[in-house]
Amino acid sequence: MRLDKYLKISRLIKRRTVANEACDNGRVTLNGRVARASAEVKPGDIIGISFGNRETRVEVLTVQENVRKEAAADLFRYLPASEAETASEVSSEDVES
């Protein structure tokens, strides 16, 4: 699934156009790298979003095309700053292997 669509479906960002603009402005990272809106999201990925002076990091648990508002929070889990860095380092090491 595209990153901008995932951000909307998971309700991390309310509108897909806003998610697309955030990606275009370099405020969204995927596994530690600045991501384009068209980047593919899969379970285990780490998404970072910069909201002004606040950074939010989440781990993708599942990817679904349609989800009810009540179940949207089950698509990801919030990560503390230190755990997010460790998880992205581990996933980047897996890619290099």
N, C-alpha and C. Protein backbone atom coordinates (compact mmCIF):
# COMPACT_ATOMS: atom_id res chain seq x y z
N MET A 1 0.85 -1.18 0.00
CA MET A 1 0.00 0.00 0.00
C MET A 1 0.89 1.23 0.00
N ARG A 2 0.45 2.27 -0.70
CA ARG A 2 1.19 3.53 -0.74
C ARG A 2 1.24 4.18 0.64
N LEU A 3 2.34 4.86 0.92
CA LEU A 3 2.53 5.51 2.21
C LEU A 3 1.45 6.54 2.51
N ASP A 4 1.12 7.40 1.54
CA ASP A 4 0.12 8.44 1.80
C ASP A 4 -1.24 7.82 2.10
N LYS A 5 -1.58 6.74 1.43
CA LYS A 5 -2.86 6.07 1.70
C LYS A 5 -2.85 5.42 3.08
N TYR A 6 -1.73 4.80 3.46
CA TYR A 6 -1.63 4.18 4.78
C TYR A 6 -1.79 5.22 5.89
N LEU A 7 -1.16 6.38 5.72
CA LEU A 7 -1.27 7.43 6.73
C LEU A 7 -2.71 7.86 6.92
N LYS A 8 -3.49 7.91 5.83
CA LYS A 8 -4.89 8.28 5.92
C LYS A 8 -5.73 7.15 6.52
N ILE A 9 -5.55 5.92 6.03
CA ILE A 9 -6.33 4.77 6.51
C ILE A 9 -6.10 4.56 8.01
N SER A 10 -4.85 4.70 8.45
CA SER A 10 -4.52 4.49 9.86
C SER A 10 -4.89 5.69 10.73
N ARG A 11 -5.27 6.80 10.08
CA ARG A 11 -5.67 8.04 10.73
C ARG A 11 -4.53 8.71 11.50
N LEU A 12 -3.30 8.44 11.06
CA LEU A 12 -2.17 9.20 11.59
C LEU A 12 -2.22 10.62 11.04
N ILE A 13 -2.68 10.75 9.79
CA ILE A 13 -2.95 12.05 9.17
C ILE A 13 -4.36 11.97 8.60
N LYS A 14 -5.16 13.03 8.81
CA LYS A 14 -6.59 12.95 8.49
C LYS A 14 -6.92 12.88 7.01
N ARG A 15 -6.16 13.57 6.17
CA ARG A 15 -6.48 13.60 4.74
C ARG A 15 -5.31 13.13 3.91
N ARG A 16 -5.62 12.44 2.82
CA ARG A 16 -4.56 11.91 1.96
C ARG A 16 -3.76 13.02 1.30
N THR A 17 -4.41 14.12 0.95
CA THR A 17 -3.68 15.24 0.34
C THR A 17 -2.69 15.85 1.32
N VAL A 18 -3.06 15.91 2.58
CA VAL A 18 -2.15 16.43 3.61
C VAL A 18 -0.99 15.45 3.79
N ALA A 19 -1.27 14.16 3.77
CA ALA A 19 -0.22 13.14 3.87
C ALA A 19 0.74 13.25 2.68
N ASN A 20 0.18 13.47 1.50
CA ASN A 20 0.98 13.62 0.30
C ASN A 20 1.89 14.85 0.40
N GLU A 21 1.36 15.96 0.88
CA GLU A 21 2.15 17.18 1.05
C GLU A 21 3.25 17.00 2.09
N ALA A 22 2.93 16.29 3.18
CA ALA A 22 3.93 16.03 4.22
C ALA A 22 5.09 15.22 3.64
N CYS A 23 4.79 14.24 2.81
CA CYS A 23 5.84 13.44 2.17
C CYS A 23 6.66 14.30 1.22
N ASP A 24 5.98 15.14 0.42
CA ASP A 24 6.68 16.00 -0.53
C ASP A 24 7.61 16.99 0.17
N ASN A 25 7.25 17.41 1.38
CA ASN A 25 8.06 18.38 2.13
C ASN A 25 9.13 17.71 2.99
N GLY A 26 9.27 16.40 2.91
CA GLY A 26 10.32 15.69 3.64
C GLY A 26 10.05 15.52 5.12
N ARG A 27 8.79 15.59 5.53
CA ARG A 27 8.45 15.45 6.95
C ARG A 27 8.09 14.03 7.35
N VAL A 28 8.12 13.09 6.40
CA VAL A 28 7.78 11.70 6.69
C VAL A 28 8.97 10.82 6.32
N THR A 29 9.36 9.93 7.25
CA THR A 29 10.43 8.98 6.98
C THR A 29 9.89 7.57 7.04
N LEU A 30 10.49 6.69 6.27
CA LEU A 30 10.15 5.28 6.27
C LEU A 30 11.44 4.52 6.50
N ASN A 31 11.53 3.83 7.61
CA ASN A 31 12.74 3.09 8.00
C ASN A 31 13.99 3.98 8.01
N GLY A 32 13.83 5.20 8.53
CA GLY A 32 14.96 6.10 8.70
C GLY A 32 15.33 6.92 7.48
N ARG A 33 14.63 6.76 6.38
CA ARG A 33 14.92 7.53 5.16
C ARG A 33 13.72 8.38 4.79
N VAL A 34 13.96 9.58 4.27
CA VAL A 34 12.87 10.44 3.81
C VAL A 34 12.14 9.67 2.72
N ALA A 35 10.80 9.63 2.83
CA ALA A 35 10.00 8.80 1.93
C ALA A 35 9.10 9.61 1.04
N ARG A 36 8.88 9.11 -0.16
CA ARG A 36 7.92 9.69 -1.08
C ARG A 36 6.54 9.11 -0.77
N ALA A 37 5.51 9.80 -1.21
CA ALA A 37 4.14 9.36 -0.97
C ALA A 37 3.87 8.00 -1.62
N SER A 38 4.59 7.69 -2.68
CA SER A 38 4.36 6.44 -3.41
C SER A 38 5.12 5.25 -2.83
N ALA A 39 5.89 5.44 -1.76
CA ALA A 39 6.66 4.35 -1.16
C ALA A 39 5.71 3.27 -0.64
N GLU A 40 6.12 2.01 -0.80
CA GLU A 40 5.30 0.89 -0.35
C GLU A 40 5.51 0.66 1.15
N VAL A 41 4.40 0.48 1.86
CA VAL A 41 4.42 0.22 3.30
C VAL A 41 4.08 -1.25 3.52
N LYS A 42 4.85 -1.90 4.41
CA LYS A 42 4.57 -3.29 4.75
C LYS A 42 4.74 -3.48 6.26
N PRO A 43 4.18 -4.53 6.82
CA PRO A 43 4.32 -4.76 8.26
C PRO A 43 5.78 -4.81 8.68
N GLY A 44 6.07 -4.19 9.81
CA GLY A 44 7.43 -4.13 10.33
C GLY A 44 8.14 -2.83 10.01
N ASP A 45 7.62 -2.05 9.08
CA ASP A 45 8.22 -0.77 8.73
C ASP A 45 8.06 0.23 9.87
N ILE A 46 9.01 1.16 9.97
CA ILE A 46 8.96 2.22 10.96
C ILE A 46 8.70 3.53 10.22
N ILE A 47 7.61 4.21 10.60
CA ILE A 47 7.25 5.49 9.99
C ILE A 47 7.50 6.59 11.00
N GLY A 48 8.18 7.64 10.58
CA GLY A 48 8.41 8.82 11.40
C GLY A 48 7.73 10.01 10.76
N ILE A 49 7.00 10.79 11.57
CA ILE A 49 6.30 11.96 11.07
C ILE A 49 6.68 13.15 11.94
N SER A 50 7.11 14.24 11.29
CA SER A 50 7.45 15.47 12.02
C SER A 50 6.26 16.41 11.98
N PHE A 51 5.73 16.71 13.14
CA PHE A 51 4.64 17.68 13.30
C PHE A 51 5.23 18.91 13.99
N GLY A 52 5.68 19.88 13.23
CA GLY A 52 6.29 21.06 13.84
C GLY A 52 7.56 20.67 14.56
N ASN A 53 7.58 20.85 15.89
CA ASN A 53 8.77 20.50 16.66
C ASN A 53 8.63 19.13 17.34
N ARG A 54 7.58 18.39 17.01
CA ARG A 54 7.32 17.08 17.62
C ARG A 54 7.51 15.98 16.58
N GLU A 55 8.17 14.93 16.98
CA GLU A 55 8.41 13.77 16.11
C GLU A 55 7.61 12.58 16.63
N THR A 56 6.84 11.95 15.77
CA THR A 56 6.07 10.76 16.11
C THR A 56 6.61 9.59 15.32
N ARG A 57 6.86 8.48 16.01
CA ARG A 57 7.34 7.27 15.34
C ARG A 57 6.40 6.12 15.65
N VAL A 58 6.06 5.37 14.61
CA VAL A 58 5.17 4.22 14.77
C VAL A 58 5.74 3.03 14.01
N GLU A 59 5.38 1.83 14.47
CA GLU A 59 5.72 0.60 13.77
C GLU A 59 4.46 0.08 13.11
N VAL A 60 4.55 -0.26 11.85
CA VAL A 60 3.40 -0.79 11.10
C VAL A 60 3.19 -2.23 11.53
N LEU A 61 1.99 -2.54 12.04
CA LEU A 61 1.67 -3.90 12.46
C LEU A 61 0.96 -4.67 11.35
N THR A 62 0.05 -4.01 10.66
CA THR A 62 -0.69 -4.65 9.58
C THR A 62 -1.10 -3.60 8.55
N VAL A 63 -1.33 -4.06 7.33
CA VAL A 63 -1.76 -3.17 6.25
C VAL A 63 -3.10 -3.69 5.74
N GLN A 64 -4.12 -2.83 5.77
CA GLN A 64 -5.45 -3.20 5.30
C GLN A 64 -5.99 -2.09 4.42
N GLU A 65 -6.76 -2.46 3.39
CA GLU A 65 -7.32 -1.48 2.47
C GLU A 65 -8.42 -0.65 3.12
N ASN A 66 -9.29 -1.28 3.87
CA ASN A 66 -10.39 -0.60 4.54
C ASN A 66 -10.41 -0.99 6.00
N VAL A 67 -10.67 0.00 6.86
CA VAL A 67 -10.70 -0.29 8.29
C VAL A 67 -11.66 0.69 8.95
N ARG A 68 -12.37 0.22 9.96
CA ARG A 68 -13.28 1.09 10.71
C ARG A 68 -12.47 2.03 11.59
N LYS A 69 -13.07 3.16 11.91
CA LYS A 69 -12.40 4.17 12.72
C LYS A 69 -11.92 3.59 14.05
N GLU A 70 -12.75 2.75 14.66
CA GLU A 70 -12.40 2.16 15.96
C GLU A 70 -11.21 1.22 15.88
N ALA A 71 -11.00 0.60 14.72
CA ALA A 71 -9.93 -0.38 14.56
C ALA A 71 -8.66 0.21 13.95
N ALA A 72 -8.69 1.49 13.60
CA ALA A 72 -7.54 2.11 12.94
C ALA A 72 -6.29 2.08 13.82
N ALA A 73 -6.45 2.21 15.12
CA ALA A 73 -5.30 2.22 16.03
C ALA A 73 -4.62 0.85 16.11
N ASP A 74 -5.29 -0.21 15.65
CA ASP A 74 -4.70 -1.54 15.67
C ASP A 74 -3.74 -1.78 14.50
N LEU A 75 -3.66 -0.84 13.57
CA LEU A 75 -2.78 -0.98 12.41
C LEU A 75 -1.32 -0.67 12.75
N PHE A 76 -1.08 0.05 13.85
CA PHE A 76 0.28 0.47 14.19
C PHE A 76 0.41 0.54 15.71
N ARG A 77 1.67 0.70 16.14
CA ARG A 77 1.92 0.97 17.57
C ARG A 77 2.95 2.09 17.67
N TYR A 78 2.72 2.97 18.64
CA TYR A 78 3.64 4.08 18.87
C TYR A 78 4.93 3.55 19.47
N LEU A 79 6.05 4.14 19.07
CA LEU A 79 7.35 3.74 19.59
C LEU A 79 7.98 4.88 20.38
N PRO A 80 8.60 4.57 21.52
CA PRO A 80 9.39 5.59 22.20
C PRO A 80 10.59 5.94 21.32
N ALA A 81 11.16 7.11 21.48
CA ALA A 81 12.24 7.58 20.62
C ALA A 81 13.41 6.60 20.56
N SER A 82 13.86 6.07 21.70
CA SER A 82 15.02 5.19 21.71
C SER A 82 14.71 3.86 21.04
N GLU A 83 13.51 3.32 21.25
CA GLU A 83 13.14 2.04 20.64
C GLU A 83 12.98 2.19 19.13
N ALA A 84 12.50 3.34 18.68
CA ALA A 84 12.31 3.57 17.25
C ALA A 84 13.65 3.56 16.53
N GLU A 85 14.67 4.17 17.12
CA GLU A 85 15.98 4.18 16.50
C GLU A 85 16.55 2.78 16.42
N THR A 86 16.39 1.99 17.48
CA THR A 86 16.90 0.63 17.50
C THR A 86 16.18 -0.22 16.47
N ALA A 87 14.86 -0.11 16.38
CA ALA A 87 14.08 -0.91 15.44
C ALA A 87 14.44 -0.57 14.00
N SER A 88 14.65 0.70 13.69
CA SER A 88 14.99 1.07 12.31
C SER A 88 16.40 0.60 11.96
N GLU A 89 17.31 0.58 12.93
CA GLU A 89 18.65 0.08 12.67
C GLU A 89 18.60 -1.42 12.38
N VAL A 90 17.79 -2.16 13.13
CA VAL A 90 17.66 -3.60 12.92
C VAL A 90 17.07 -3.88 11.55
N SER A 91 16.00 -3.15 11.18
CA SER A 91 15.36 -3.41 9.89
C SER A 91 16.28 -3.02 8.73
N SER A 92 17.11 -1.99 8.89
CA SER A 92 18.03 -1.62 7.82
C SER A 92 19.15 -2.65 7.70
N GLU A 93 19.54 -3.28 8.80
CA GLU A 93 20.55 -4.33 8.74
C GLU A 93 19.99 -5.55 8.03
N ASP A 94 18.70 -5.85 8.21
CA ASP A 94 18.07 -6.98 7.54
C ASP A 94 18.04 -6.76 6.03
N VAL A 95 17.82 -5.53 5.60
CA VAL A 95 17.76 -5.21 4.18
C VAL A 95 19.13 -5.38 3.54
N GLU A 96 20.19 -4.98 4.25
CA GLU A 96 21.54 -5.06 3.71
C GLU A 96 22.03 -6.50 3.60
N SER A 97 21.53 -7.39 4.43
CA SER A 97 22.01 -8.79 4.44
C SER A 97 21.60 -9.53 3.21
